[in-house]
């Protein structure tokens, strides 16, 4: 990535981090629920914990959609700069979502998975939990948003 691409990625990442900081209380609740789940023998979340987890995934969905719209659709930056920023946020800046561990959790707490299926975009929300997202899939998913806005 050249200097211009690196600056674009950093600007995108800074925006994502600023947006992410606005949901830090929700993140803290969701992280506590995940930690409790793995260290408790109950293997189930409470209703409030499920709500916090789904709200956090929905918040991340909104952050990704808003960021893509602002930087790729409106400003014309490369989707790869968005992708690099997304990876840095998802992998290095948080410890709740974007993890294959959720596939196991969905089998242990089927109610959480059932509630995800009731969200407005269950495929995207589930992928935010599991991290099963590719650049091609994400740009297609978020690119559809740009088409709807125009």
N, C-alpha and C. Protein backbone atom coordinates (compact mmCIF):
# COMPACT_ATOMS: atom_id res chain seq x y z
N UNK A 1 0.85 -1.18 0.00
CA UNK A 1 0.00 0.00 0.00
C UNK A 1 0.90 1.23 0.00
N UNK A 2 0.65 2.14 -0.93
CA UNK A 2 1.43 3.37 -1.01
C UNK A 2 1.06 4.34 0.09
N UNK A 3 1.75 5.48 0.10
CA UNK A 3 1.48 6.48 1.14
C UNK A 3 0.04 6.97 1.11
N UNK A 4 -0.47 7.22 -0.10
CA UNK A 4 -1.85 7.71 -0.22
C UNK A 4 -2.83 6.66 0.29
N UNK A 5 -2.60 5.39 -0.09
CA UNK A 5 -3.46 4.30 0.37
C UNK A 5 -3.37 4.11 1.87
N UNK A 6 -2.16 4.28 2.41
CA UNK A 6 -1.97 4.16 3.85
C UNK A 6 -2.68 5.26 4.61
N UNK A 7 -2.62 6.48 4.05
CA UNK A 7 -3.34 7.60 4.69
C UNK A 7 -4.85 7.38 4.64
N UNK A 8 -5.31 6.89 3.49
CA UNK A 8 -6.75 6.63 3.35
C UNK A 8 -7.19 5.58 4.36
N UNK A 9 -6.40 4.50 4.47
CA UNK A 9 -6.75 3.44 5.42
C UNK A 9 -6.75 4.00 6.84
N UNK A 10 -5.76 4.81 7.19
CA UNK A 10 -5.68 5.37 8.54
C UNK A 10 -6.85 6.30 8.83
N UNK A 11 -7.25 7.09 7.84
CA UNK A 11 -8.42 7.97 8.01
C UNK A 11 -9.69 7.14 8.25
N UNK A 12 -9.83 6.08 7.48
CA UNK A 12 -10.99 5.20 7.64
C UNK A 12 -10.97 4.55 9.02
N UNK A 13 -9.80 4.02 9.40
CA UNK A 13 -9.67 3.38 10.71
C UNK A 13 -9.96 4.37 11.83
N UNK A 14 -9.44 5.58 11.74
CA UNK A 14 -9.71 6.59 12.78
C UNK A 14 -11.20 6.86 12.91
N UNK A 15 -11.89 6.94 11.78
CA UNK A 15 -13.34 7.16 11.81
C UNK A 15 -14.04 5.97 12.48
N UNK A 16 -13.64 4.74 12.11
CA UNK A 16 -14.25 3.55 12.71
C UNK A 16 -14.02 3.53 14.22
N UNK A 17 -12.82 3.86 14.65
CA UNK A 17 -12.50 3.85 16.08
C UNK A 17 -13.34 4.90 16.82
N UNK A 18 -13.50 6.06 16.21
CA UNK A 18 -14.33 7.10 16.82
C UNK A 18 -15.77 6.61 16.96
N UNK A 19 -16.30 5.97 15.92
CA UNK A 19 -17.65 5.42 15.97
C UNK A 19 -17.75 4.30 17.02
N UNK A 20 -16.76 3.45 17.05
CA UNK A 20 -16.68 2.33 17.99
C UNK A 20 -16.66 2.84 19.43
N UNK A 21 -15.96 3.95 19.67
CA UNK A 21 -15.88 4.49 21.04
C UNK A 21 -17.24 4.92 21.56
N UNK A 22 -18.17 5.21 20.66
CA UNK A 22 -19.51 5.63 21.07
C UNK A 22 -20.35 4.46 21.59
N UNK A 23 -19.91 3.23 21.33
CA UNK A 23 -20.66 2.06 21.82
C UNK A 23 -19.83 1.26 22.83
N UNK A 24 -18.86 1.93 23.46
CA UNK A 24 -17.94 1.21 24.35
C UNK A 24 -18.66 0.62 25.57
N UNK A 25 -19.69 1.27 26.07
CA UNK A 25 -20.44 0.70 27.20
C UNK A 25 -21.12 -0.60 26.79
N UNK A 26 -21.68 -0.61 25.62
CA UNK A 26 -22.30 -1.82 25.09
C UNK A 26 -21.25 -2.91 24.87
N UNK A 27 -20.10 -2.52 24.34
CA UNK A 27 -19.00 -3.46 24.14
C UNK A 27 -18.57 -4.08 25.48
N UNK A 28 -18.48 -3.26 26.52
CA UNK A 28 -18.06 -3.75 27.83
C UNK A 28 -19.04 -4.79 28.36
N UNK A 29 -20.34 -4.53 28.22
CA UNK A 29 -21.36 -5.51 28.66
C UNK A 29 -21.26 -6.80 27.86
N UNK A 30 -21.10 -6.68 26.55
CA UNK A 30 -21.02 -7.87 25.69
C UNK A 30 -19.76 -8.67 25.99
N UNK A 31 -18.66 -7.98 26.22
CA UNK A 31 -17.41 -8.69 26.53
C UNK A 31 -17.52 -9.43 27.86
N UNK A 32 -18.13 -8.81 28.85
CA UNK A 32 -18.33 -9.47 30.14
C UNK A 32 -19.20 -10.72 29.96
N UNK A 33 -20.22 -10.63 29.13
CA UNK A 33 -21.09 -11.78 28.88
C UNK A 33 -20.32 -12.91 28.21
N UNK A 34 -19.48 -12.58 27.25
CA UNK A 34 -18.70 -13.61 26.56
C UNK A 34 -17.72 -14.27 27.51
N UNK A 35 -17.05 -13.49 28.33
CA UNK A 35 -16.09 -14.04 29.30
C UNK A 35 -16.82 -14.95 30.28
N UNK A 36 -17.95 -14.49 30.79
CA UNK A 36 -18.74 -15.31 31.73
C UNK A 36 -19.18 -16.62 31.07
N UNK A 37 -19.60 -16.54 29.83
CA UNK A 37 -20.06 -17.72 29.12
C UNK A 37 -18.96 -18.78 29.05
N UNK A 38 -17.75 -18.38 28.72
CA UNK A 38 -16.67 -19.36 28.56
C UNK A 38 -16.13 -19.87 29.88
N UNK A 39 -16.34 -19.11 30.96
CA UNK A 39 -15.82 -19.53 32.26
C UNK A 39 -16.89 -20.07 33.19
N UNK A 40 -18.14 -20.06 32.75
CA UNK A 40 -19.25 -20.58 33.54
C UNK A 40 -19.66 -21.92 32.93
N UNK A 41 -20.19 -22.79 33.70
CA UNK A 41 -20.57 -24.11 33.17
C UNK A 41 -22.00 -24.15 32.66
N UNK A 42 -22.70 -23.03 32.72
CA UNK A 42 -24.10 -22.99 32.31
C UNK A 42 -24.29 -23.09 30.79
N UNK A 43 -23.35 -22.56 30.01
CA UNK A 43 -23.40 -22.58 28.55
C UNK A 43 -24.64 -21.89 27.98
N UNK A 44 -25.13 -20.89 28.68
CA UNK A 44 -26.26 -20.12 28.17
C UNK A 44 -26.10 -18.67 28.62
N UNK A 45 -26.57 -17.78 27.76
CA UNK A 45 -26.58 -16.37 28.10
C UNK A 45 -27.92 -16.01 28.72
N UNK A 46 -27.94 -14.94 29.51
CA UNK A 46 -29.20 -14.41 29.99
C UNK A 46 -29.84 -13.63 28.83
N UNK A 47 -31.09 -13.27 28.97
CA UNK A 47 -31.76 -12.47 27.94
C UNK A 47 -31.06 -11.13 27.75
N UNK A 48 -30.65 -10.50 28.85
CA UNK A 48 -29.96 -9.21 28.76
C UNK A 48 -28.61 -9.35 28.06
N UNK A 49 -27.90 -10.45 28.33
CA UNK A 49 -26.61 -10.67 27.68
C UNK A 49 -26.80 -10.88 26.17
N UNK A 50 -27.81 -11.65 25.80
CA UNK A 50 -28.10 -11.85 24.37
C UNK A 50 -28.41 -10.51 23.70
N UNK A 51 -29.22 -9.71 24.38
CA UNK A 51 -29.57 -8.39 23.83
C UNK A 51 -28.31 -7.54 23.63
N UNK A 52 -27.41 -7.53 24.61
CA UNK A 52 -26.18 -6.75 24.50
C UNK A 52 -25.32 -7.24 23.33
N UNK A 53 -25.22 -8.54 23.18
CA UNK A 53 -24.41 -9.10 22.09
C UNK A 53 -24.99 -8.75 20.72
N UNK A 54 -26.29 -8.90 20.58
CA UNK A 54 -26.93 -8.60 19.30
C UNK A 54 -26.88 -7.10 19.01
N UNK A 55 -27.07 -6.28 20.04
CA UNK A 55 -26.99 -4.83 19.84
C UNK A 55 -25.57 -4.42 19.44
N UNK A 56 -24.55 -5.07 20.02
CA UNK A 56 -23.18 -4.76 19.65
C UNK A 56 -22.92 -5.15 18.19
N UNK A 57 -23.36 -6.33 17.79
CA UNK A 57 -23.19 -6.76 16.39
C UNK A 57 -23.93 -5.80 15.46
N UNK A 58 -25.11 -5.38 15.85
CA UNK A 58 -25.86 -4.42 15.03
C UNK A 58 -25.14 -3.07 14.95
N UNK A 59 -24.53 -2.66 16.06
CA UNK A 59 -23.77 -1.41 16.06
C UNK A 59 -22.57 -1.51 15.12
N UNK A 60 -21.87 -2.64 15.15
CA UNK A 60 -20.76 -2.85 14.23
C UNK A 60 -21.25 -2.84 12.79
N UNK A 61 -22.40 -3.44 12.54
CA UNK A 61 -22.98 -3.42 11.20
C UNK A 61 -23.20 -1.98 10.75
N UNK A 62 -23.76 -1.17 11.62
CA UNK A 62 -24.02 0.23 11.28
C UNK A 62 -22.71 1.00 11.06
N UNK A 63 -21.71 0.73 11.88
CA UNK A 63 -20.41 1.38 11.71
C UNK A 63 -19.81 1.03 10.35
N UNK A 64 -19.85 -0.24 10.01
CA UNK A 64 -19.29 -0.67 8.72
C UNK A 64 -20.05 -0.06 7.56
N UNK A 65 -21.37 -0.06 7.63
CA UNK A 65 -22.18 0.50 6.55
C UNK A 65 -21.95 2.01 6.39
N UNK A 66 -21.96 2.70 7.50
CA UNK A 66 -21.77 4.16 7.47
C UNK A 66 -20.36 4.50 6.94
N UNK A 67 -19.37 3.78 7.43
CA UNK A 67 -17.99 4.04 7.01
C UNK A 67 -17.80 3.78 5.52
N UNK A 68 -18.35 2.67 5.05
CA UNK A 68 -18.24 2.34 3.63
C UNK A 68 -18.92 3.42 2.78
N UNK A 69 -20.10 3.82 3.20
CA UNK A 69 -20.82 4.85 2.46
C UNK A 69 -20.02 6.14 2.39
N UNK A 70 -19.50 6.59 3.53
CA UNK A 70 -18.77 7.86 3.57
C UNK A 70 -17.47 7.82 2.78
N UNK A 71 -16.71 6.76 2.94
CA UNK A 71 -15.36 6.75 2.37
C UNK A 71 -15.26 6.10 0.99
N UNK A 72 -16.02 5.07 0.73
CA UNK A 72 -15.91 4.39 -0.56
C UNK A 72 -16.95 4.94 -1.54
N UNK A 73 -18.22 4.94 -1.12
CA UNK A 73 -19.28 5.38 -2.03
C UNK A 73 -19.21 6.88 -2.30
N UNK A 74 -19.10 7.69 -1.25
CA UNK A 74 -19.14 9.15 -1.43
C UNK A 74 -17.79 9.76 -1.80
N UNK A 75 -16.71 9.30 -1.17
CA UNK A 75 -15.39 9.90 -1.43
C UNK A 75 -14.61 9.16 -2.51
N UNK A 76 -15.06 7.99 -2.89
CA UNK A 76 -14.41 7.26 -3.96
C UNK A 76 -13.10 6.58 -3.59
N UNK A 77 -12.87 6.35 -2.29
CA UNK A 77 -11.65 5.65 -1.89
C UNK A 77 -11.76 4.17 -2.25
N UNK A 78 -10.63 3.53 -2.35
CA UNK A 78 -10.58 2.12 -2.74
C UNK A 78 -11.19 1.23 -1.65
N UNK A 79 -11.97 0.24 -2.05
CA UNK A 79 -12.49 -0.72 -1.07
C UNK A 79 -11.39 -1.44 -0.29
N UNK A 80 -10.21 -1.58 -0.88
CA UNK A 80 -9.12 -2.26 -0.16
C UNK A 80 -8.64 -1.44 1.04
N UNK A 81 -8.71 -0.11 0.95
CA UNK A 81 -8.35 0.73 2.11
C UNK A 81 -9.39 0.51 3.22
N UNK A 82 -10.66 0.44 2.83
CA UNK A 82 -11.72 0.13 3.80
C UNK A 82 -11.47 -1.24 4.42
N UNK A 83 -11.15 -2.24 3.59
CA UNK A 83 -10.92 -3.60 4.06
C UNK A 83 -9.77 -3.64 5.06
N UNK A 84 -8.66 -2.95 4.76
CA UNK A 84 -7.51 -2.93 5.68
C UNK A 84 -7.90 -2.32 7.02
N UNK A 85 -8.69 -1.25 6.99
CA UNK A 85 -9.15 -0.63 8.23
C UNK A 85 -10.08 -1.57 8.99
N UNK A 86 -10.97 -2.22 8.26
CA UNK A 86 -11.89 -3.19 8.87
C UNK A 86 -11.12 -4.29 9.59
N UNK A 87 -10.11 -4.85 8.94
CA UNK A 87 -9.31 -5.92 9.54
C UNK A 87 -8.63 -5.42 10.81
N UNK A 88 -8.08 -4.24 10.76
CA UNK A 88 -7.41 -3.70 11.95
C UNK A 88 -8.38 -3.48 13.10
N UNK A 89 -9.59 -3.07 12.79
CA UNK A 89 -10.59 -2.88 13.84
C UNK A 89 -11.09 -4.23 14.35
N UNK A 90 -11.49 -5.11 13.44
CA UNK A 90 -12.10 -6.38 13.83
C UNK A 90 -11.12 -7.31 14.54
N UNK A 91 -9.90 -7.34 14.09
CA UNK A 91 -8.93 -8.30 14.63
C UNK A 91 -8.16 -7.73 15.82
N UNK A 92 -7.76 -6.47 15.73
CA UNK A 92 -6.83 -5.93 16.73
C UNK A 92 -7.44 -4.99 17.76
N UNK A 93 -8.67 -4.54 17.56
CA UNK A 93 -9.23 -3.52 18.45
C UNK A 93 -10.38 -4.01 19.33
N UNK A 94 -10.77 -5.25 19.19
CA UNK A 94 -11.89 -5.74 20.01
C UNK A 94 -11.72 -7.25 20.22
N UNK A 95 -12.42 -7.77 21.23
CA UNK A 95 -12.28 -9.18 21.59
C UNK A 95 -13.61 -9.90 21.78
N UNK A 96 -14.67 -9.38 21.19
CA UNK A 96 -15.98 -10.00 21.39
C UNK A 96 -16.46 -10.67 20.11
N UNK A 97 -16.48 -9.95 19.03
CA UNK A 97 -17.06 -10.43 17.79
C UNK A 97 -15.96 -10.89 16.83
N UNK A 98 -16.38 -11.23 15.60
CA UNK A 98 -15.46 -11.63 14.54
C UNK A 98 -14.57 -12.80 14.97
N UNK A 99 -15.19 -13.86 15.49
CA UNK A 99 -14.46 -15.02 15.99
C UNK A 99 -15.19 -16.31 15.63
N UNK A 100 -14.45 -17.29 15.15
CA UNK A 100 -15.05 -18.59 14.82
C UNK A 100 -15.65 -19.28 16.04
N UNK A 101 -15.24 -18.86 17.24
CA UNK A 101 -15.79 -19.45 18.47
C UNK A 101 -17.31 -19.35 18.52
N UNK A 102 -17.87 -18.33 17.86
CA UNK A 102 -19.32 -18.14 17.90
C UNK A 102 -20.07 -19.28 17.25
N UNK A 103 -19.46 -19.97 16.30
CA UNK A 103 -20.12 -21.12 15.68
C UNK A 103 -20.41 -22.19 16.73
N UNK A 104 -19.48 -22.39 17.67
CA UNK A 104 -19.68 -23.33 18.78
C UNK A 104 -20.74 -22.79 19.74
N UNK A 105 -20.67 -21.50 20.01
CA UNK A 105 -21.62 -20.88 20.94
C UNK A 105 -23.05 -21.03 20.43
N UNK A 106 -23.26 -20.84 19.13
CA UNK A 106 -24.61 -20.96 18.56
C UNK A 106 -25.19 -22.34 18.78
N UNK A 107 -24.35 -23.36 18.84
CA UNK A 107 -24.83 -24.72 19.10
C UNK A 107 -25.17 -24.91 20.57
N UNK A 108 -24.45 -24.23 21.44
CA UNK A 108 -24.68 -24.37 22.88
C UNK A 108 -25.84 -23.50 23.37
N UNK A 109 -25.97 -22.32 22.78
CA UNK A 109 -27.06 -21.41 23.15
C UNK A 109 -27.86 -21.11 21.89
N UNK A 110 -28.76 -22.01 21.57
CA UNK A 110 -29.54 -21.89 20.33
C UNK A 110 -30.45 -20.67 20.32
N UNK A 111 -30.81 -20.18 21.50
CA UNK A 111 -31.68 -19.01 21.58
C UNK A 111 -30.98 -17.78 21.00
N UNK A 112 -29.69 -17.64 21.25
CA UNK A 112 -28.94 -16.52 20.68
C UNK A 112 -29.00 -16.58 19.15
N UNK A 113 -28.76 -17.75 18.60
CA UNK A 113 -28.78 -17.91 17.14
C UNK A 113 -30.19 -17.65 16.59
N UNK A 114 -31.21 -18.09 17.30
CA UNK A 114 -32.59 -17.86 16.88
C UNK A 114 -32.89 -16.36 16.84
N UNK A 115 -32.43 -15.64 17.85
CA UNK A 115 -32.66 -14.19 17.89
C UNK A 115 -31.91 -13.46 16.78
N UNK A 116 -30.73 -13.92 16.44
CA UNK A 116 -29.98 -13.32 15.33
C UNK A 116 -30.78 -13.48 14.04
N UNK A 117 -31.40 -14.63 13.86
CA UNK A 117 -32.18 -14.90 12.65
C UNK A 117 -33.39 -13.96 12.53
N UNK A 118 -33.79 -13.32 13.64
CA UNK A 118 -34.93 -12.41 13.62
C UNK A 118 -34.52 -10.95 13.35
N UNK A 119 -33.21 -10.69 13.23
CA UNK A 119 -32.76 -9.32 12.97
C UNK A 119 -33.06 -8.93 11.52
N UNK A 120 -32.91 -7.66 11.21
CA UNK A 120 -33.24 -7.18 9.86
C UNK A 120 -32.28 -7.71 8.79
N UNK A 121 -31.06 -8.06 9.15
CA UNK A 121 -30.11 -8.63 8.20
C UNK A 121 -29.35 -9.76 8.90
N UNK A 122 -30.01 -10.90 9.09
CA UNK A 122 -29.41 -11.97 9.89
C UNK A 122 -28.11 -12.52 9.32
N UNK A 123 -27.97 -12.55 8.00
CA UNK A 123 -26.72 -13.07 7.43
C UNK A 123 -25.54 -12.18 7.81
N UNK A 124 -25.72 -10.88 7.70
CA UNK A 124 -24.65 -9.94 8.04
C UNK A 124 -24.34 -9.99 9.54
N UNK A 125 -25.37 -10.01 10.36
CA UNK A 125 -25.16 -10.05 11.81
C UNK A 125 -24.42 -11.34 12.21
N UNK A 126 -24.83 -12.47 11.64
CA UNK A 126 -24.15 -13.72 11.96
C UNK A 126 -22.68 -13.67 11.51
N UNK A 127 -22.42 -13.10 10.35
CA UNK A 127 -21.04 -12.99 9.86
C UNK A 127 -20.22 -12.05 10.76
N UNK A 128 -20.84 -11.05 11.33
CA UNK A 128 -20.13 -10.17 12.26
C UNK A 128 -19.73 -10.96 13.50
N UNK A 129 -20.59 -11.83 13.95
CA UNK A 129 -20.24 -12.69 15.08
C UNK A 129 -19.09 -13.62 14.71
N UNK A 130 -19.22 -14.34 13.60
CA UNK A 130 -18.26 -15.41 13.28
C UNK A 130 -17.01 -14.95 12.55
N UNK A 131 -17.04 -13.74 12.00
CA UNK A 131 -15.89 -13.25 11.26
C UNK A 131 -15.73 -13.88 9.90
N UNK A 132 -16.73 -14.58 9.45
CA UNK A 132 -16.69 -15.29 8.16
C UNK A 132 -17.01 -14.31 7.03
N UNK A 133 -16.11 -13.33 6.85
CA UNK A 133 -16.34 -12.25 5.90
C UNK A 133 -15.12 -12.14 4.99
N UNK A 134 -15.37 -12.08 3.71
CA UNK A 134 -14.30 -11.85 2.74
C UNK A 134 -14.45 -10.45 2.16
N UNK A 135 -13.38 -9.95 1.56
CA UNK A 135 -13.44 -8.64 0.91
C UNK A 135 -14.52 -8.64 -0.17
N UNK A 136 -14.56 -9.69 -0.96
CA UNK A 136 -15.54 -9.77 -2.04
C UNK A 136 -16.98 -9.73 -1.49
N UNK A 137 -17.25 -10.52 -0.46
CA UNK A 137 -18.59 -10.56 0.11
C UNK A 137 -18.96 -9.20 0.72
N UNK A 138 -18.02 -8.64 1.48
CA UNK A 138 -18.31 -7.39 2.18
C UNK A 138 -18.55 -6.24 1.21
N UNK A 139 -17.73 -6.13 0.18
CA UNK A 139 -17.95 -5.03 -0.77
C UNK A 139 -19.25 -5.23 -1.55
N UNK A 140 -19.61 -6.48 -1.81
CA UNK A 140 -20.91 -6.73 -2.46
C UNK A 140 -22.05 -6.33 -1.52
N UNK A 141 -21.98 -6.76 -0.27
CA UNK A 141 -23.01 -6.44 0.71
C UNK A 141 -23.13 -4.93 0.92
N UNK A 142 -22.01 -4.26 1.10
CA UNK A 142 -22.04 -2.83 1.36
C UNK A 142 -22.24 -2.02 0.10
N UNK A 143 -21.83 -2.55 -1.04
CA UNK A 143 -22.06 -1.88 -2.32
C UNK A 143 -23.53 -1.79 -2.66
N UNK A 144 -24.30 -2.77 -2.24
CA UNK A 144 -25.75 -2.73 -2.45
C UNK A 144 -26.36 -1.54 -1.73
N UNK A 145 -25.78 -1.16 -0.61
CA UNK A 145 -26.24 -0.01 0.14
C UNK A 145 -26.10 1.25 -0.71
N UNK A 146 -24.96 1.39 -1.40
CA UNK A 146 -24.74 2.54 -2.25
C UNK A 146 -25.77 2.62 -3.36
N UNK A 147 -26.13 1.48 -3.94
CA UNK A 147 -27.13 1.44 -4.98
C UNK A 147 -28.48 1.90 -4.45
N UNK A 148 -28.79 1.54 -3.21
CA UNK A 148 -30.09 1.90 -2.62
C UNK A 148 -30.16 3.39 -2.31
N UNK A 149 -29.02 4.01 -2.02
CA UNK A 149 -29.00 5.43 -1.67
C UNK A 149 -29.19 6.30 -2.90
N UNK A 150 -28.63 5.88 -4.02
CA UNK A 150 -28.66 6.70 -5.24
C UNK A 150 -30.01 6.83 -5.82
